N, C-alpha and C. Protein backbone atom coordinates (compact mmCIF):
# COMPACT_ATOMS: atom_id res chain seq x y z
N MET A 1 48.38 45.96 -2.19
CA MET A 1 48.32 47.37 -1.85
C MET A 1 47.32 47.59 -0.72
N SER A 2 47.78 48.30 0.32
CA SER A 2 46.89 48.61 1.42
C SER A 2 45.90 49.69 1.00
N GLU A 3 44.63 49.48 1.32
CA GLU A 3 43.59 50.41 0.89
C GLU A 3 42.82 50.94 2.10
N ASN A 4 42.25 52.15 1.94
CA ASN A 4 41.36 52.70 2.94
C ASN A 4 39.94 52.31 2.61
N ASN A 5 39.21 51.79 3.58
CA ASN A 5 37.82 51.40 3.35
C ASN A 5 36.90 52.59 3.53
N ASN A 6 35.87 52.67 2.70
CA ASN A 6 34.90 53.75 2.79
C ASN A 6 33.53 53.21 2.45
N ASN A 7 32.63 53.25 3.44
CA ASN A 7 31.31 52.69 3.23
C ASN A 7 30.25 53.75 2.97
N ASN A 8 30.67 55.01 2.86
CA ASN A 8 29.71 56.07 2.63
C ASN A 8 29.16 56.00 1.22
N GLN A 9 27.86 56.24 1.08
CA GLN A 9 27.20 56.13 -0.21
C GLN A 9 27.48 57.34 -1.09
N ASP A 10 27.43 58.54 -0.52
CA ASP A 10 27.62 59.76 -1.30
C ASP A 10 28.61 60.64 -0.58
N ASN A 11 29.87 60.52 -0.93
CA ASN A 11 30.92 61.18 -0.18
C ASN A 11 31.90 61.86 -1.14
N THR A 12 31.44 62.19 -2.34
CA THR A 12 32.34 62.73 -3.34
C THR A 12 32.69 64.18 -3.03
N ILE A 13 33.90 64.59 -3.44
CA ILE A 13 34.32 65.97 -3.32
C ILE A 13 34.76 66.45 -4.69
N GLU A 14 34.58 67.74 -4.93
CA GLU A 14 34.96 68.34 -6.20
C GLU A 14 36.43 68.75 -6.15
N ILE A 15 37.19 68.33 -7.14
CA ILE A 15 38.62 68.64 -7.19
C ILE A 15 38.94 69.30 -8.53
N SER A 16 39.34 70.56 -8.48
CA SER A 16 39.74 71.26 -9.70
C SER A 16 41.22 71.61 -9.71
N LYS A 17 41.84 71.62 -8.52
CA LYS A 17 43.28 71.88 -8.41
C LYS A 17 43.89 70.95 -7.38
N ILE A 18 44.99 70.32 -7.76
CA ILE A 18 45.70 69.44 -6.83
C ILE A 18 47.10 69.99 -6.60
N CYS A 19 47.47 70.08 -5.34
CA CYS A 19 48.84 70.42 -4.97
C CYS A 19 49.65 69.13 -4.91
N VAL A 20 50.72 69.07 -5.71
CA VAL A 20 51.55 67.88 -5.77
C VAL A 20 52.88 68.15 -5.09
N TYR A 21 53.23 67.30 -4.13
CA TYR A 21 54.53 67.34 -3.47
C TYR A 21 55.41 66.26 -4.09
N CYS A 22 56.63 66.62 -4.47
CA CYS A 22 57.52 65.62 -5.07
C CYS A 22 58.96 66.11 -5.04
N GLY A 23 59.87 65.24 -5.48
CA GLY A 23 61.28 65.52 -5.37
C GLY A 23 61.82 66.49 -6.40
N SER A 24 62.89 67.19 -6.04
CA SER A 24 63.63 68.03 -6.98
C SER A 24 64.67 67.21 -7.73
N ARG A 25 64.63 65.90 -7.53
CA ARG A 25 65.41 64.93 -8.31
C ARG A 25 64.43 63.92 -8.91
N VAL A 26 64.86 63.22 -9.95
CA VAL A 26 63.98 62.21 -10.55
C VAL A 26 64.11 60.87 -9.87
N GLY A 27 65.15 60.70 -9.06
CA GLY A 27 65.34 59.42 -8.39
C GLY A 27 66.01 58.39 -9.27
N SER A 28 66.29 57.24 -8.70
CA SER A 28 67.05 56.20 -9.41
C SER A 28 66.19 55.19 -10.15
N ASN A 29 64.88 55.24 -9.92
CA ASN A 29 63.96 54.29 -10.54
C ASN A 29 63.24 54.99 -11.70
N PRO A 30 63.38 54.49 -12.94
CA PRO A 30 62.71 55.12 -14.08
C PRO A 30 61.19 55.21 -13.94
N ASN A 31 60.62 54.30 -13.16
CA ASN A 31 59.16 54.32 -12.99
C ASN A 31 58.66 55.55 -12.24
N PHE A 32 59.52 56.19 -11.47
CA PHE A 32 59.11 57.42 -10.80
C PHE A 32 58.70 58.47 -11.83
N GLU A 33 59.50 58.62 -12.85
CA GLU A 33 59.20 59.59 -13.90
C GLU A 33 58.02 59.13 -14.75
N ILE A 34 57.97 57.84 -15.06
CA ILE A 34 56.89 57.31 -15.88
C ILE A 34 55.54 57.52 -15.22
N LYS A 35 55.43 57.18 -13.94
CA LYS A 35 54.16 57.32 -13.23
C LYS A 35 53.79 58.79 -13.00
N THR A 36 54.80 59.64 -12.87
CA THR A 36 54.53 61.07 -12.73
C THR A 36 53.91 61.62 -14.00
N LYS A 37 54.43 61.20 -15.15
CA LYS A 37 53.86 61.62 -16.43
C LYS A 37 52.43 61.09 -16.59
N GLU A 38 52.20 59.86 -16.16
CA GLU A 38 50.85 59.29 -16.23
C GLU A 38 49.87 60.07 -15.35
N LEU A 39 50.35 60.48 -14.19
CA LEU A 39 49.49 61.28 -13.31
C LEU A 39 49.13 62.61 -13.97
N ALA A 40 50.11 63.26 -14.58
CA ALA A 40 49.85 64.53 -15.26
C ALA A 40 48.81 64.37 -16.36
N GLU A 41 48.94 63.31 -17.13
CA GLU A 41 48.01 63.06 -18.21
C GLU A 41 46.60 62.82 -17.68
N GLU A 42 46.49 62.04 -16.62
CA GLU A 42 45.17 61.73 -16.07
C GLU A 42 44.54 62.95 -15.41
N MET A 43 45.34 63.78 -14.76
CA MET A 43 44.81 65.01 -14.18
C MET A 43 44.20 65.89 -15.27
N CYS A 44 44.89 66.00 -16.39
CA CYS A 44 44.39 66.85 -17.48
C CYS A 44 43.12 66.27 -18.10
N LYS A 45 43.03 64.95 -18.18
CA LYS A 45 41.81 64.33 -18.68
C LYS A 45 40.61 64.71 -17.83
N ARG A 46 40.86 64.94 -16.55
CA ARG A 46 39.78 65.26 -15.61
C ARG A 46 39.68 66.78 -15.37
N ASN A 47 40.41 67.56 -16.16
CA ASN A 47 40.40 69.02 -16.03
C ASN A 47 40.84 69.47 -14.64
N ILE A 48 41.85 68.82 -14.11
CA ILE A 48 42.42 69.18 -12.82
C ILE A 48 43.73 69.92 -13.04
N ASP A 49 43.83 71.12 -12.51
CA ASP A 49 45.04 71.93 -12.64
C ASP A 49 46.05 71.57 -11.56
N LEU A 50 47.30 71.99 -11.81
CA LEU A 50 48.40 71.67 -10.89
C LEU A 50 48.84 72.89 -10.10
N VAL A 51 49.00 72.68 -8.79
CA VAL A 51 49.72 73.60 -7.91
C VAL A 51 50.93 72.83 -7.40
N TYR A 52 52.11 73.44 -7.46
CA TYR A 52 53.30 72.70 -7.03
C TYR A 52 54.38 73.67 -6.59
N GLY A 53 55.56 73.14 -6.28
CA GLY A 53 56.62 73.94 -5.68
C GLY A 53 57.40 74.85 -6.61
N GLY A 54 57.02 74.92 -7.89
CA GLY A 54 57.60 75.90 -8.79
C GLY A 54 58.91 75.53 -9.44
N GLY A 55 59.48 74.38 -9.10
CA GLY A 55 60.76 73.98 -9.67
C GLY A 55 60.62 73.43 -11.09
N THR A 56 61.71 73.44 -11.81
CA THR A 56 61.71 72.89 -13.17
C THR A 56 62.61 71.67 -13.29
N VAL A 57 63.19 71.23 -12.18
CA VAL A 57 64.08 70.07 -12.20
C VAL A 57 63.44 68.93 -11.43
N GLY A 58 63.97 67.72 -11.62
CA GLY A 58 63.48 66.55 -10.91
C GLY A 58 62.04 66.23 -11.26
N LEU A 59 61.36 65.54 -10.35
CA LEU A 59 59.95 65.20 -10.59
C LEU A 59 59.06 66.43 -10.60
N MET A 60 59.50 67.50 -9.96
CA MET A 60 58.73 68.75 -10.04
C MET A 60 58.63 69.22 -11.49
N GLY A 61 59.76 69.19 -12.19
CA GLY A 61 59.74 69.57 -13.60
C GLY A 61 58.95 68.61 -14.45
N VAL A 62 59.02 67.32 -14.13
CA VAL A 62 58.31 66.30 -14.90
C VAL A 62 56.80 66.51 -14.79
N ILE A 63 56.29 66.71 -13.58
CA ILE A 63 54.84 66.87 -13.41
C ILE A 63 54.37 68.17 -14.05
N ALA A 64 55.13 69.24 -13.91
CA ALA A 64 54.72 70.53 -14.47
C ALA A 64 54.72 70.50 -15.99
N ARG A 65 55.77 69.97 -16.60
CA ARG A 65 55.82 69.88 -18.06
C ARG A 65 54.74 68.94 -18.57
N GLY A 66 54.47 67.87 -17.84
CA GLY A 66 53.43 66.94 -18.24
C GLY A 66 52.06 67.60 -18.30
N ILE A 67 51.78 68.45 -17.33
CA ILE A 67 50.50 69.18 -17.32
C ILE A 67 50.42 70.13 -18.50
N ILE A 68 51.48 70.88 -18.75
CA ILE A 68 51.50 71.83 -19.86
C ILE A 68 51.36 71.10 -21.20
N GLU A 69 52.06 69.99 -21.36
CA GLU A 69 52.01 69.23 -22.61
C GLU A 69 50.62 68.67 -22.88
N ASN A 70 49.83 68.50 -21.83
CA ASN A 70 48.47 68.00 -21.98
C ASN A 70 47.43 69.11 -21.84
N ASN A 71 47.90 70.35 -22.08
CA ASN A 71 47.02 71.53 -22.14
C ASN A 71 46.37 71.86 -20.80
N GLY A 72 47.06 71.55 -19.72
CA GLY A 72 46.57 71.92 -18.41
C GLY A 72 47.17 73.23 -17.93
N THR A 73 46.80 73.61 -16.71
CA THR A 73 47.25 74.87 -16.12
C THR A 73 48.13 74.58 -14.91
N VAL A 74 49.25 75.31 -14.84
CA VAL A 74 50.24 75.09 -13.78
C VAL A 74 50.46 76.38 -13.00
N THR A 75 50.42 76.26 -11.68
CA THR A 75 50.80 77.37 -10.80
C THR A 75 51.89 76.88 -9.85
N GLY A 76 53.05 77.50 -9.94
CA GLY A 76 54.17 77.15 -9.07
C GLY A 76 54.38 78.21 -8.01
N VAL A 77 54.79 77.76 -6.83
CA VAL A 77 55.07 78.68 -5.72
C VAL A 77 56.46 78.35 -5.21
N ILE A 78 57.37 79.32 -5.25
CA ILE A 78 58.75 79.03 -4.90
C ILE A 78 59.38 80.20 -4.13
N PRO A 79 60.14 79.90 -3.08
CA PRO A 79 60.87 80.97 -2.38
C PRO A 79 61.98 81.51 -3.27
N LYS A 80 62.24 82.80 -3.16
CA LYS A 80 63.28 83.42 -3.98
C LYS A 80 64.63 82.76 -3.74
N SER A 81 64.87 82.30 -2.52
CA SER A 81 66.16 81.70 -2.18
C SER A 81 66.41 80.38 -2.90
N LEU A 82 65.35 79.75 -3.43
CA LEU A 82 65.50 78.46 -4.11
C LEU A 82 65.45 78.57 -5.63
N LEU A 83 65.32 79.77 -6.15
CA LEU A 83 65.19 79.93 -7.60
C LEU A 83 66.38 79.32 -8.34
N ASN A 84 67.59 79.56 -7.86
CA ASN A 84 68.77 79.04 -8.55
C ASN A 84 68.98 77.56 -8.32
N ARG A 85 68.39 77.01 -7.25
CA ARG A 85 68.60 75.61 -6.90
C ARG A 85 67.57 74.68 -7.52
N GLU A 86 66.32 75.14 -7.63
CA GLU A 86 65.24 74.27 -8.08
C GLU A 86 64.71 74.60 -9.47
N THR A 87 65.33 75.57 -10.13
CA THR A 87 64.90 75.93 -11.48
C THR A 87 66.07 75.89 -12.44
N SER A 88 65.78 75.59 -13.68
CA SER A 88 66.78 75.59 -14.74
C SER A 88 66.06 75.92 -16.04
N GLY A 89 66.44 77.03 -16.66
CA GLY A 89 65.76 77.44 -17.87
C GLY A 89 64.50 78.22 -17.57
N ASP A 90 63.57 78.21 -18.49
CA ASP A 90 62.35 79.00 -18.36
C ASP A 90 61.40 78.42 -17.31
N ASN A 91 60.62 79.30 -16.71
CA ASN A 91 59.58 78.86 -15.78
C ASN A 91 58.52 78.06 -16.51
N ILE A 92 57.79 77.24 -15.77
CA ILE A 92 56.70 76.44 -16.33
C ILE A 92 55.40 76.97 -15.76
N GLY A 93 54.55 77.50 -16.61
CA GLY A 93 53.28 78.06 -16.16
C GLY A 93 53.48 79.34 -15.35
N GLU A 94 52.50 79.65 -14.52
CA GLU A 94 52.59 80.82 -13.65
C GLU A 94 53.45 80.49 -12.44
N VAL A 95 54.34 81.39 -12.09
CA VAL A 95 55.21 81.19 -10.93
C VAL A 95 55.02 82.34 -9.95
N ILE A 96 54.70 81.99 -8.71
CA ILE A 96 54.54 82.97 -7.64
C ILE A 96 55.77 82.89 -6.75
N GLU A 97 56.50 83.99 -6.63
CA GLU A 97 57.68 84.03 -5.77
C GLU A 97 57.28 84.50 -4.38
N VAL A 98 57.76 83.79 -3.37
CA VAL A 98 57.47 84.13 -1.98
C VAL A 98 58.78 84.26 -1.21
N VAL A 99 58.67 84.66 0.04
CA VAL A 99 59.87 84.94 0.83
C VAL A 99 60.41 83.69 1.52
N SER A 100 59.53 82.87 2.07
CA SER A 100 59.98 81.76 2.92
C SER A 100 59.31 80.45 2.55
N MET A 101 59.87 79.36 3.10
CA MET A 101 59.27 78.04 2.91
C MET A 101 57.89 77.98 3.54
N HIS A 102 57.73 78.60 4.69
CA HIS A 102 56.42 78.60 5.35
C HIS A 102 55.38 79.28 4.46
N GLU A 103 55.75 80.42 3.89
CA GLU A 103 54.82 81.13 3.02
C GLU A 103 54.52 80.31 1.78
N ARG A 104 55.51 79.59 1.28
CA ARG A 104 55.30 78.72 0.11
C ARG A 104 54.24 77.67 0.40
N LYS A 105 54.40 76.94 1.50
CA LYS A 105 53.46 75.88 1.83
C LYS A 105 52.07 76.42 2.12
N LYS A 106 52.03 77.55 2.78
CA LYS A 106 50.75 78.19 3.09
C LYS A 106 50.01 78.59 1.82
N LYS A 107 50.74 79.17 0.86
CA LYS A 107 50.13 79.60 -0.39
C LYS A 107 49.67 78.41 -1.21
N MET A 108 50.51 77.38 -1.32
CA MET A 108 50.15 76.18 -2.07
C MET A 108 48.89 75.55 -1.52
N SER A 109 48.80 75.44 -0.21
CA SER A 109 47.63 74.79 0.39
C SER A 109 46.37 75.61 0.19
N SER A 110 46.51 76.93 0.16
CA SER A 110 45.33 77.78 -0.01
C SER A 110 44.79 77.73 -1.44
N LEU A 111 45.65 77.39 -2.40
CA LEU A 111 45.24 77.35 -3.80
C LEU A 111 44.61 76.02 -4.21
N ALA A 112 44.86 74.97 -3.44
CA ALA A 112 44.50 73.61 -3.87
C ALA A 112 43.22 73.11 -3.21
N ASP A 113 42.57 72.17 -3.91
CA ASP A 113 41.41 71.47 -3.36
C ASP A 113 41.81 70.15 -2.72
N ALA A 114 42.96 69.60 -3.14
CA ALA A 114 43.42 68.30 -2.65
C ALA A 114 44.93 68.23 -2.84
N PHE A 115 45.52 67.13 -2.35
CA PHE A 115 46.97 67.02 -2.32
C PHE A 115 47.40 65.61 -2.72
N ILE A 116 48.58 65.54 -3.38
CA ILE A 116 49.17 64.25 -3.72
C ILE A 116 50.66 64.30 -3.41
N ALA A 117 51.16 63.23 -2.80
CA ALA A 117 52.59 63.07 -2.59
C ALA A 117 53.13 62.04 -3.57
N LEU A 118 54.16 62.43 -4.30
CA LEU A 118 54.92 61.54 -5.17
C LEU A 118 56.24 61.22 -4.48
N PRO A 119 57.01 60.26 -4.99
CA PRO A 119 58.32 60.01 -4.41
C PRO A 119 59.16 61.29 -4.32
N GLY A 120 59.88 61.41 -3.23
CA GLY A 120 60.73 62.58 -3.00
C GLY A 120 61.57 62.35 -1.77
N GLY A 121 62.23 63.41 -1.33
CA GLY A 121 63.14 63.31 -0.19
C GLY A 121 62.57 63.93 1.07
N LEU A 122 63.46 64.48 1.89
CA LEU A 122 63.05 64.98 3.19
C LEU A 122 62.01 66.09 3.09
N GLY A 123 62.16 66.97 2.10
CA GLY A 123 61.19 68.05 1.94
C GLY A 123 59.81 67.51 1.62
N THR A 124 59.75 66.49 0.77
CA THR A 124 58.46 65.87 0.44
C THR A 124 57.85 65.20 1.66
N PHE A 125 58.69 64.51 2.43
CA PHE A 125 58.18 63.86 3.64
C PHE A 125 57.61 64.90 4.61
N GLU A 126 58.33 66.01 4.77
CA GLU A 126 57.88 67.05 5.69
C GLU A 126 56.55 67.64 5.25
N GLU A 127 56.42 67.90 3.95
CA GLU A 127 55.17 68.43 3.42
C GLU A 127 54.03 67.45 3.59
N LEU A 128 54.31 66.16 3.37
CA LEU A 128 53.28 65.14 3.51
C LEU A 128 52.80 65.04 4.94
N PHE A 129 53.71 64.96 5.90
CA PHE A 129 53.31 64.87 7.30
C PHE A 129 52.54 66.11 7.74
N GLU A 130 52.99 67.27 7.27
CA GLU A 130 52.30 68.50 7.67
C GLU A 130 50.88 68.54 7.15
N ILE A 131 50.69 68.21 5.87
CA ILE A 131 49.34 68.32 5.32
C ILE A 131 48.41 67.28 5.93
N LEU A 132 48.92 66.09 6.25
CA LEU A 132 48.10 65.09 6.92
C LEU A 132 47.69 65.57 8.31
N THR A 133 48.62 66.23 8.99
CA THR A 133 48.31 66.79 10.32
C THR A 133 47.26 67.88 10.21
N TRP A 134 47.40 68.74 9.21
CA TRP A 134 46.42 69.81 9.02
C TRP A 134 45.03 69.25 8.73
N ILE A 135 44.98 68.20 7.90
CA ILE A 135 43.68 67.58 7.61
C ILE A 135 43.05 67.03 8.89
N LYS A 136 43.85 66.35 9.68
CA LYS A 136 43.33 65.76 10.91
C LYS A 136 42.87 66.84 11.89
N LEU A 137 43.61 67.94 11.99
CA LEU A 137 43.27 68.99 12.93
C LEU A 137 42.07 69.81 12.48
N GLY A 138 41.73 69.73 11.20
CA GLY A 138 40.63 70.53 10.70
C GLY A 138 41.04 71.93 10.32
N VAL A 139 42.28 72.09 9.86
CA VAL A 139 42.80 73.42 9.50
C VAL A 139 42.04 74.02 8.33
N PHE A 140 41.54 73.18 7.43
CA PHE A 140 40.88 73.68 6.22
C PHE A 140 39.39 73.92 6.48
N ASP A 141 38.85 74.94 5.78
CA ASP A 141 37.44 75.24 5.94
C ASP A 141 36.57 74.50 4.94
N LYS A 142 37.12 73.47 4.30
CA LYS A 142 36.35 72.63 3.39
C LYS A 142 36.94 71.23 3.43
N ARG A 143 36.19 70.26 2.97
CA ARG A 143 36.70 68.89 2.92
C ARG A 143 37.81 68.79 1.89
N THR A 144 38.86 68.08 2.24
CA THR A 144 39.96 67.87 1.32
C THR A 144 40.50 66.46 1.54
N VAL A 145 41.48 66.08 0.74
CA VAL A 145 42.01 64.73 0.81
C VAL A 145 43.47 64.75 0.36
N CYS A 146 44.25 63.86 0.90
CA CYS A 146 45.65 63.70 0.47
C CYS A 146 45.83 62.28 -0.07
N GLY A 147 46.32 62.20 -1.30
CA GLY A 147 46.62 60.92 -1.91
C GLY A 147 48.12 60.68 -1.96
N ILE A 148 48.50 59.42 -1.94
CA ILE A 148 49.92 59.04 -2.04
C ILE A 148 50.06 58.09 -3.21
N LEU A 149 50.90 58.46 -4.19
CA LEU A 149 51.17 57.59 -5.33
C LEU A 149 52.35 56.70 -4.98
N ASN A 150 52.04 55.46 -4.67
CA ASN A 150 53.04 54.54 -4.12
C ASN A 150 53.76 53.78 -5.25
N VAL A 151 54.60 54.48 -5.97
CA VAL A 151 55.30 53.89 -7.12
C VAL A 151 56.29 52.83 -6.64
N ASP A 152 56.09 51.61 -7.13
CA ASP A 152 57.00 50.50 -6.80
C ASP A 152 57.28 50.40 -5.30
N HIS A 153 56.23 50.58 -4.50
CA HIS A 153 56.30 50.39 -3.04
C HIS A 153 57.16 51.44 -2.34
N TYR A 154 57.39 52.59 -2.99
CA TYR A 154 58.26 53.60 -2.38
C TYR A 154 57.77 54.03 -1.01
N PHE A 155 56.45 54.15 -0.85
CA PHE A 155 55.91 54.65 0.41
C PHE A 155 55.52 53.54 1.38
N ASP A 156 55.87 52.31 1.08
CA ASP A 156 55.57 51.23 2.03
C ASP A 156 56.16 51.49 3.42
N PRO A 157 57.42 51.96 3.52
CA PRO A 157 57.96 52.27 4.86
C PRO A 157 57.17 53.35 5.59
N PHE A 158 56.62 54.30 4.84
CA PHE A 158 55.78 55.33 5.46
C PHE A 158 54.52 54.70 6.06
N VAL A 159 53.86 53.86 5.26
CA VAL A 159 52.65 53.19 5.76
C VAL A 159 52.98 52.34 6.98
N ASN A 160 54.11 51.65 6.94
CA ASN A 160 54.53 50.82 8.07
C ASN A 160 54.78 51.68 9.31
N LEU A 161 55.35 52.87 9.09
CA LEU A 161 55.61 53.78 10.21
C LEU A 161 54.30 54.21 10.86
N VAL A 162 53.32 54.58 10.05
CA VAL A 162 52.02 54.99 10.59
C VAL A 162 51.36 53.82 11.33
N ASP A 163 51.39 52.63 10.72
CA ASP A 163 50.78 51.46 11.35
C ASP A 163 51.48 51.12 12.67
N ASN A 164 52.81 51.29 12.70
CA ASN A 164 53.56 51.02 13.92
C ASN A 164 53.19 52.02 15.02
N ALA A 165 52.99 53.29 14.62
CA ALA A 165 52.59 54.30 15.60
C ALA A 165 51.20 54.01 16.15
N ILE A 166 50.31 53.49 15.31
CA ILE A 166 48.98 53.09 15.76
C ILE A 166 49.08 51.92 16.74
N GLU A 167 49.89 50.94 16.37
CA GLU A 167 50.05 49.75 17.21
C GLU A 167 50.61 50.09 18.59
N ASN A 168 51.47 51.13 18.63
CA ASN A 168 52.11 51.51 19.88
C ASN A 168 51.39 52.64 20.62
N GLY A 169 50.20 52.98 20.14
CA GLY A 169 49.36 53.90 20.89
C GLY A 169 49.64 55.37 20.73
N PHE A 170 50.45 55.77 19.74
CA PHE A 170 50.73 57.18 19.53
C PHE A 170 49.81 57.82 18.49
N VAL A 171 49.16 57.02 17.69
CA VAL A 171 48.24 57.50 16.66
C VAL A 171 46.94 56.73 16.79
N SER A 172 45.82 57.44 16.73
CA SER A 172 44.52 56.78 16.81
C SER A 172 44.26 55.97 15.54
N PRO A 173 43.63 54.81 15.64
CA PRO A 173 43.38 53.97 14.46
C PRO A 173 42.65 54.69 13.34
N GLU A 174 41.71 55.60 13.68
CA GLU A 174 40.97 56.30 12.63
C GLU A 174 41.86 57.23 11.82
N ASN A 175 43.02 57.59 12.36
CA ASN A 175 43.93 58.46 11.61
C ASN A 175 44.59 57.74 10.44
N ARG A 176 44.41 56.44 10.37
CA ARG A 176 44.90 55.69 9.20
C ARG A 176 44.16 56.13 7.93
N ASN A 177 43.02 56.79 8.13
CA ASN A 177 42.22 57.22 6.99
C ASN A 177 42.48 58.67 6.56
N VAL A 178 43.50 59.31 7.09
CA VAL A 178 43.77 60.69 6.67
C VAL A 178 44.43 60.74 5.29
N PHE A 179 44.79 59.59 4.74
CA PHE A 179 45.32 59.56 3.38
C PHE A 179 44.74 58.36 2.64
N VAL A 180 44.74 58.47 1.30
CA VAL A 180 44.42 57.34 0.45
C VAL A 180 45.67 57.02 -0.36
N ILE A 181 45.83 55.79 -0.75
CA ILE A 181 47.09 55.38 -1.38
C ILE A 181 46.83 54.35 -2.47
N ASP A 182 47.58 54.47 -3.55
CA ASP A 182 47.50 53.49 -4.62
C ASP A 182 48.76 53.62 -5.48
N ASP A 183 49.07 52.56 -6.22
CA ASP A 183 50.25 52.60 -7.09
C ASP A 183 49.90 52.99 -8.53
N ASP A 184 48.61 53.22 -8.79
CA ASP A 184 48.16 53.58 -10.13
C ASP A 184 47.52 54.97 -10.10
N PRO A 185 47.97 55.91 -10.96
CA PRO A 185 47.42 57.27 -10.92
C PRO A 185 45.91 57.32 -11.12
N VAL A 186 45.36 56.51 -12.03
CA VAL A 186 43.93 56.52 -12.28
C VAL A 186 43.16 56.11 -11.04
N GLU A 187 43.56 55.00 -10.43
CA GLU A 187 42.87 54.51 -9.24
C GLU A 187 43.05 55.46 -8.06
N LEU A 188 44.22 56.10 -7.96
CA LEU A 188 44.43 57.04 -6.87
C LEU A 188 43.46 58.22 -6.98
N LEU A 189 43.33 58.78 -8.18
CA LEU A 189 42.40 59.89 -8.37
C LEU A 189 40.96 59.47 -8.14
N ASN A 190 40.63 58.24 -8.50
CA ASN A 190 39.28 57.73 -8.22
C ASN A 190 39.02 57.68 -6.71
N LYS A 191 39.98 57.20 -5.96
CA LYS A 191 39.84 57.12 -4.51
C LYS A 191 39.72 58.51 -3.89
N MET A 192 40.45 59.47 -4.46
CA MET A 192 40.43 60.82 -3.92
C MET A 192 39.09 61.51 -4.13
N LYS A 193 38.34 61.07 -5.11
CA LYS A 193 37.01 61.64 -5.34
C LYS A 193 36.02 61.24 -4.25
N ASN A 194 36.27 60.12 -3.60
CA ASN A 194 35.33 59.59 -2.62
C ASN A 194 36.08 59.06 -1.40
N PRO A 195 36.75 59.98 -0.67
CA PRO A 195 37.60 59.55 0.44
C PRO A 195 36.81 59.33 1.73
N PRO A 196 37.41 58.69 2.71
CA PRO A 196 36.76 58.56 4.01
C PRO A 196 36.52 59.93 4.62
N ILE A 197 35.45 60.06 5.38
CA ILE A 197 35.18 61.31 6.10
C ILE A 197 36.05 61.33 7.35
N ILE A 198 36.80 62.42 7.51
CA ILE A 198 37.67 62.57 8.66
C ILE A 198 37.04 63.55 9.64
N LYS A 199 36.87 63.12 10.87
CA LYS A 199 36.34 64.01 11.89
C LYS A 199 37.48 64.84 12.44
N PRO A 200 37.44 66.18 12.26
CA PRO A 200 38.54 67.03 12.73
C PRO A 200 38.72 66.94 14.23
N LEU A 201 39.98 67.06 14.66
CA LEU A 201 40.28 67.03 16.08
C LEU A 201 39.72 68.25 16.79
N VAL A 202 39.74 69.39 16.08
CA VAL A 202 39.13 70.61 16.59
C VAL A 202 38.17 71.12 15.55
N GLU A 203 37.20 71.94 15.98
CA GLU A 203 36.14 72.34 15.07
C GLU A 203 36.61 73.32 14.01
N LYS A 204 37.47 74.27 14.37
CA LYS A 204 37.93 75.25 13.38
C LYS A 204 39.27 75.83 13.83
N TRP A 205 40.24 75.76 12.91
CA TRP A 205 41.58 76.24 13.24
C TRP A 205 42.03 77.37 12.33
N ILE A 206 41.18 77.83 11.43
CA ILE A 206 41.64 78.84 10.48
C ILE A 206 40.71 80.04 10.47
N LYS A 207 41.27 81.13 10.00
CA LYS A 207 40.46 82.32 9.75
C LYS A 207 40.93 82.91 8.44
N HIS A 208 40.03 83.56 7.74
CA HIS A 208 40.38 84.22 6.50
C HIS A 208 40.70 85.68 6.78
N SER A 209 41.79 86.15 6.20
CA SER A 209 42.14 87.55 6.31
C SER A 209 41.10 88.41 5.61
N ASP A 210 40.77 89.54 6.18
CA ASP A 210 39.79 90.43 5.57
C ASP A 210 40.29 91.00 4.25
N ASN A 211 41.59 91.20 4.15
CA ASN A 211 42.15 91.83 2.96
C ASN A 211 42.62 90.84 1.93
N GLU A 212 42.99 89.64 2.33
CA GLU A 212 43.48 88.64 1.39
C GLU A 212 42.71 87.35 1.61
N GLU A 213 41.63 87.18 0.85
CA GLU A 213 40.70 86.10 1.12
C GLU A 213 41.30 84.73 0.84
N ASP A 214 42.42 84.67 0.08
CA ASP A 214 43.01 83.38 -0.21
C ASP A 214 44.10 83.00 0.77
N GLU A 215 44.35 83.83 1.78
CA GLU A 215 45.37 83.54 2.75
C GLU A 215 44.76 82.83 3.96
N LEU A 216 45.44 81.83 4.47
CA LEU A 216 44.96 81.09 5.63
C LEU A 216 45.89 81.32 6.78
N ASP A 217 45.36 81.55 7.96
CA ASP A 217 46.16 81.77 9.16
C ASP A 217 45.80 80.73 10.19
N VAL A 218 46.76 79.93 10.61
CA VAL A 218 46.51 78.96 11.66
C VAL A 218 46.42 79.69 12.99
N ILE A 219 45.38 79.42 13.75
CA ILE A 219 45.19 80.10 15.02
C ILE A 219 45.01 79.09 16.15
């Protein structure tokens, strides 16, 4: 497993809510569901609440039900247009309905202290690349981290893509540290507590709305 090196002595961050990106399907590998349940259990052991896309199907449903079953707190954010596609049966935890995908991602990021990507499809990939870009640009007004749960090498092609971009001069080598990765939920959360320090590309890219302090506006 490829690891990010961190030589800082005291670099811990406090994480009380994690935004999890994952598929609206469970995928073809049973370990995807198994590791998702393990992540939910470990998050609850550490008193970490879940922010996610609000769906009740696929790995989204697995992670949300896992948190509830372990007495954790779940906040889902879902566009009204996806209610019939990504939900089945009763909602899990608190559900915030929004108008658009952009508003969904904006709200999820504003509620979370950190982020994790689980196996998923194009939507998960898009969310992962966006949040890594935001971290690098310094969009957030606090330190944060993105972890990748690499179940059965699912994200190896992603890591290879980033490494190839570095080798070909499109990505700076230090950007390899914008994420931490592991195949074990316990070790991944441990790494996320003490991630590499990322120097933002710009000093400040966000402002807080005067009327809605939890809303973030990219400027």
